[in-house]
């Protein structure tokens, strides 16, 4: 089950990277570099929600769900194990020298 979620998580990561890189920036024209609105509408350059925005939203939701699921599954899988399981601590030595 962990492997399935890991593969799904990695695929969603690649989808998110690709979709985000395909989207145009908010100030894509030259006027955006100087703070002007240029030919944009009153509500900005994106008045409608397009397909890329919807795919980005759903990919982000799936990414969050797989992240939480992987965290829970790994925590349950390693419930009896500790990172410090094989480490033995030595008694602390005094830094004071006796004469």
C-alpha atoms as a PDB file:
ATOM      1  CA  UNK A   1       0.000   0.000   0.000  1.00  0.00           C
ATOM      2  CA  UNK A   2       2.882   2.346   0.789  1.00  0.00           C
ATOM      3  CA  UNK A   3       4.409   1.680  -2.624  1.00  0.00           C
ATOM      4  CA  UNK A   4       1.134   2.483  -4.380  1.00  0.00           C
ATOM      5  CA  UNK A   5       0.813   5.811  -2.583  1.00  0.00           C
ATOM      6  CA  UNK A   6       4.480   6.597  -3.226  1.00  0.00           C
ATOM      7  CA  UNK A   7       4.124   6.006  -6.972  1.00  0.00           C
ATOM      8  CA  UNK A   8       0.911   8.053  -7.062  1.00  0.00           C
ATOM      9  CA  UNK A   9       2.587  10.819  -5.053  1.00  0.00           C
ATOM     10  CA  UNK A  10       5.571  11.015  -7.423  1.00  0.00           C
ATOM     11  CA  UNK A  11       3.295  11.072 -10.481  1.00  0.00           C
ATOM     12  CA  UNK A  12       1.217  13.884  -8.978  1.00  0.00           C
ATOM     13  CA  UNK A  13       4.445  15.786  -8.247  1.00  0.00           C
ATOM     14  CA  UNK A  14       5.462  15.603 -11.898  1.00  0.00           C
ATOM     15  CA  UNK A  15       1.968  16.633 -13.021  1.00  0.00           C
ATOM     16  CA  UNK A  16       2.040  19.623 -10.669  1.00  0.00           C
ATOM     17  CA  UNK A  17       5.464  20.701 -11.899  1.00  0.00           C
ATOM     18  CA  UNK A  18       4.416  20.433 -15.548  1.00  0.00           C
ATOM     19  CA  UNK A  19       1.061  22.181 -15.115  1.00  0.00           C
ATOM     20  CA  UNK A  20       2.526  25.027 -13.087  1.00  0.00           C
ATOM     21  CA  UNK A  21       5.260  25.593 -15.657  1.00  0.00           C
ATOM     22  CA  UNK A  22       2.669  25.682 -18.463  1.00  0.00           C
ATOM     23  CA  UNK A  23       0.609  28.447 -16.859  1.00  0.00           C
ATOM     24  CA  UNK A  24       1.316  32.011 -17.914  1.00  0.00           C
ATOM     25  CA  UNK A  25       2.338  34.516 -15.259  1.00  0.00           C
ATOM     26  CA  UNK A  26       0.031  37.258 -14.007  1.00  0.00           C
ATOM     27  CA  UNK A  27       2.114  40.038 -15.541  1.00  0.00           C
ATOM     28  CA  UNK A  28       2.968  38.359 -18.803  1.00  0.00           C
ATOM     29  CA  UNK A  29       3.134  41.576 -20.824  1.00  0.00           C
ATOM     30  CA  UNK A  30       5.619  44.457 -20.581  1.00  0.00           C
ATOM     31  CA  UNK A  31       3.200  46.680 -18.668  1.00  0.00           C
ATOM     32  CA  UNK A  32       3.122  44.128 -15.843  1.00  0.00           C
ATOM     33  CA  UNK A  33       6.827  44.682 -15.223  1.00  0.00           C
ATOM     34  CA  UNK A  34       6.214  48.350 -14.420  1.00  0.00           C
ATOM     35  CA  UNK A  35       3.023  47.910 -12.412  1.00  0.00           C
ATOM     36  CA  UNK A  36       0.652  49.027 -15.159  1.00  0.00           C
ATOM     37  CA  UNK A  37      -2.501  47.196 -16.049  1.00  0.00           C
ATOM     38  CA  UNK A  38      -2.030  47.467 -19.801  1.00  0.00           C
ATOM     39  CA  UNK A  39      -4.769  45.668 -21.711  1.00  0.00           C
ATOM     40  CA  UNK A  40      -5.998  43.728 -18.690  1.00  0.00           C
ATOM     41  CA  UNK A  41      -9.585  43.790 -17.539  1.00  0.00           C
ATOM     42  CA  UNK A  42     -10.776  45.228 -14.242  1.00  0.00           C
ATOM     43  CA  UNK A  43     -10.547  41.823 -12.566  1.00  0.00           C
ATOM     44  CA  UNK A  44      -7.077  40.957 -13.818  1.00  0.00           C
ATOM     45  CA  UNK A  45      -5.837  38.932 -16.776  1.00  0.00           C
ATOM     46  CA  UNK A  46      -7.688  35.790 -15.722  1.00  0.00           C
ATOM     47  CA  UNK A  47     -11.391  36.466 -15.598  1.00  0.00           C
ATOM     48  CA  UNK A  48     -12.415  32.856 -16.052  1.00  0.00           C
ATOM     49  CA  UNK A  49     -11.088  29.661 -14.566  1.00  0.00           C
ATOM     50  CA  UNK A  50      -9.475  27.624 -17.320  1.00  0.00           C
ATOM     51  CA  UNK A  51      -8.580  23.944 -17.543  1.00  0.00           C
ATOM     52  CA  UNK A  52      -5.016  24.418 -16.285  1.00  0.00           C
ATOM     53  CA  UNK A  53      -6.261  26.060 -13.104  1.00  0.00           C
ATOM     54  CA  UNK A  54      -8.724  23.225 -12.436  1.00  0.00           C
ATOM     55  CA  UNK A  55      -6.074  20.565 -13.040  1.00  0.00           C
ATOM     56  CA  UNK A  56      -3.670  22.421 -10.741  1.00  0.00           C
ATOM     57  CA  UNK A  57      -6.291  22.579  -7.991  1.00  0.00           C
ATOM     58  CA  UNK A  58      -7.115  18.882  -8.203  1.00  0.00           C
ATOM     59  CA  UNK A  59      -3.461  17.869  -8.410  1.00  0.00           C
ATOM     60  CA  UNK A  60      -2.723  19.944  -5.302  1.00  0.00           C
ATOM     61  CA  UNK A  61      -5.609  18.279  -3.446  1.00  0.00           C
ATOM     62  CA  UNK A  62      -4.386  14.813  -4.458  1.00  0.00           C
ATOM     63  CA  UNK A  63      -0.833  15.801  -3.476  1.00  0.00           C
ATOM     64  CA  UNK A  64      -2.010  16.828   0.004  1.00  0.00           C
ATOM     65  CA  UNK A  65      -4.044  13.631   0.448  1.00  0.00           C
ATOM     66  CA  UNK A  66      -1.169  11.382  -0.623  1.00  0.00           C
ATOM     67  CA  UNK A  67       1.249  13.294   1.631  1.00  0.00           C
ATOM     68  CA  UNK A  68      -0.970  12.801   4.673  1.00  0.00           C
ATOM     69  CA  UNK A  69      -1.683   9.175   3.741  1.00  0.00           C
ATOM     70  CA  UNK A  70       2.016   8.376   3.359  1.00  0.00           C
ATOM     71  CA  UNK A  71       2.766   9.982   6.709  1.00  0.00           C
ATOM     72  CA  UNK A  72       0.077   7.920   8.461  1.00  0.00           C
ATOM     73  CA  UNK A  73       1.054   4.671   6.720  1.00  0.00           C
ATOM     74  CA  UNK A  74       4.757   5.048   7.479  1.00  0.00           C
ATOM     75  CA  UNK A  75       4.006   5.955  11.112  1.00  0.00           C
ATOM     76  CA  UNK A  76       1.849   2.825  11.485  1.00  0.00           C
ATOM     77  CA  UNK A  77       4.413   0.660   9.709  1.00  0.00           C
ATOM     78  CA  UNK A  78       7.261   1.733  11.987  1.00  0.00           C
ATOM     79  CA  UNK A  79       5.224   2.019  15.218  1.00  0.00           C
ATOM     80  CA  UNK A  80       7.487  -0.300  17.222  1.00  0.00           C
ATOM     81  CA  UNK A  81      10.743   0.961  15.766  1.00  0.00           C
ATOM     82  CA  UNK A  82      12.774   3.913  16.891  1.00  0.00           C
ATOM     83  CA  UNK A  83      15.588   5.776  15.232  1.00  0.00           C
ATOM     84  CA  UNK A  84      17.641   5.418  18.423  1.00  0.00           C
ATOM     85  CA  UNK A  85      16.824   1.742  18.952  1.00  0.00           C
ATOM     86  CA  UNK A  86      20.393   0.422  18.585  1.00  0.00           C
ATOM     87  CA  UNK A  87      22.150   3.340  20.254  1.00  0.00           C
ATOM     88  CA  UNK A  88      23.367   2.900  23.801  1.00  0.00           C
ATOM     89  CA  UNK A  89      24.124   5.950  25.866  1.00  0.00           C
ATOM     90  CA  UNK A  90      27.292   6.136  27.919  1.00  0.00           C
ATOM     91  CA  UNK A  91      27.165   7.782  31.330  1.00  0.00           C
ATOM     92  CA  UNK A  92      28.113  11.431  31.266  1.00  0.00           C
ATOM     93  CA  UNK A  93      31.588  12.140  32.555  1.00  0.00           C
ATOM     94  CA  UNK A  94      32.265  15.009  34.879  1.00  0.00           C
ATOM     95  CA  UNK A  95      34.208  17.909  33.463  1.00  0.00           C
ATOM     96  CA  UNK A  96      35.722  18.738  36.850  1.00  0.00           C
ATOM     97  CA  UNK A  97      39.195  17.410  37.583  1.00  0.00           C
ATOM     98  CA  UNK A  98      39.855  16.335  41.168  1.00  0.00           C
ATOM     99  CA  UNK A  99      43.244  16.876  42.713  1.00  0.00           C
END
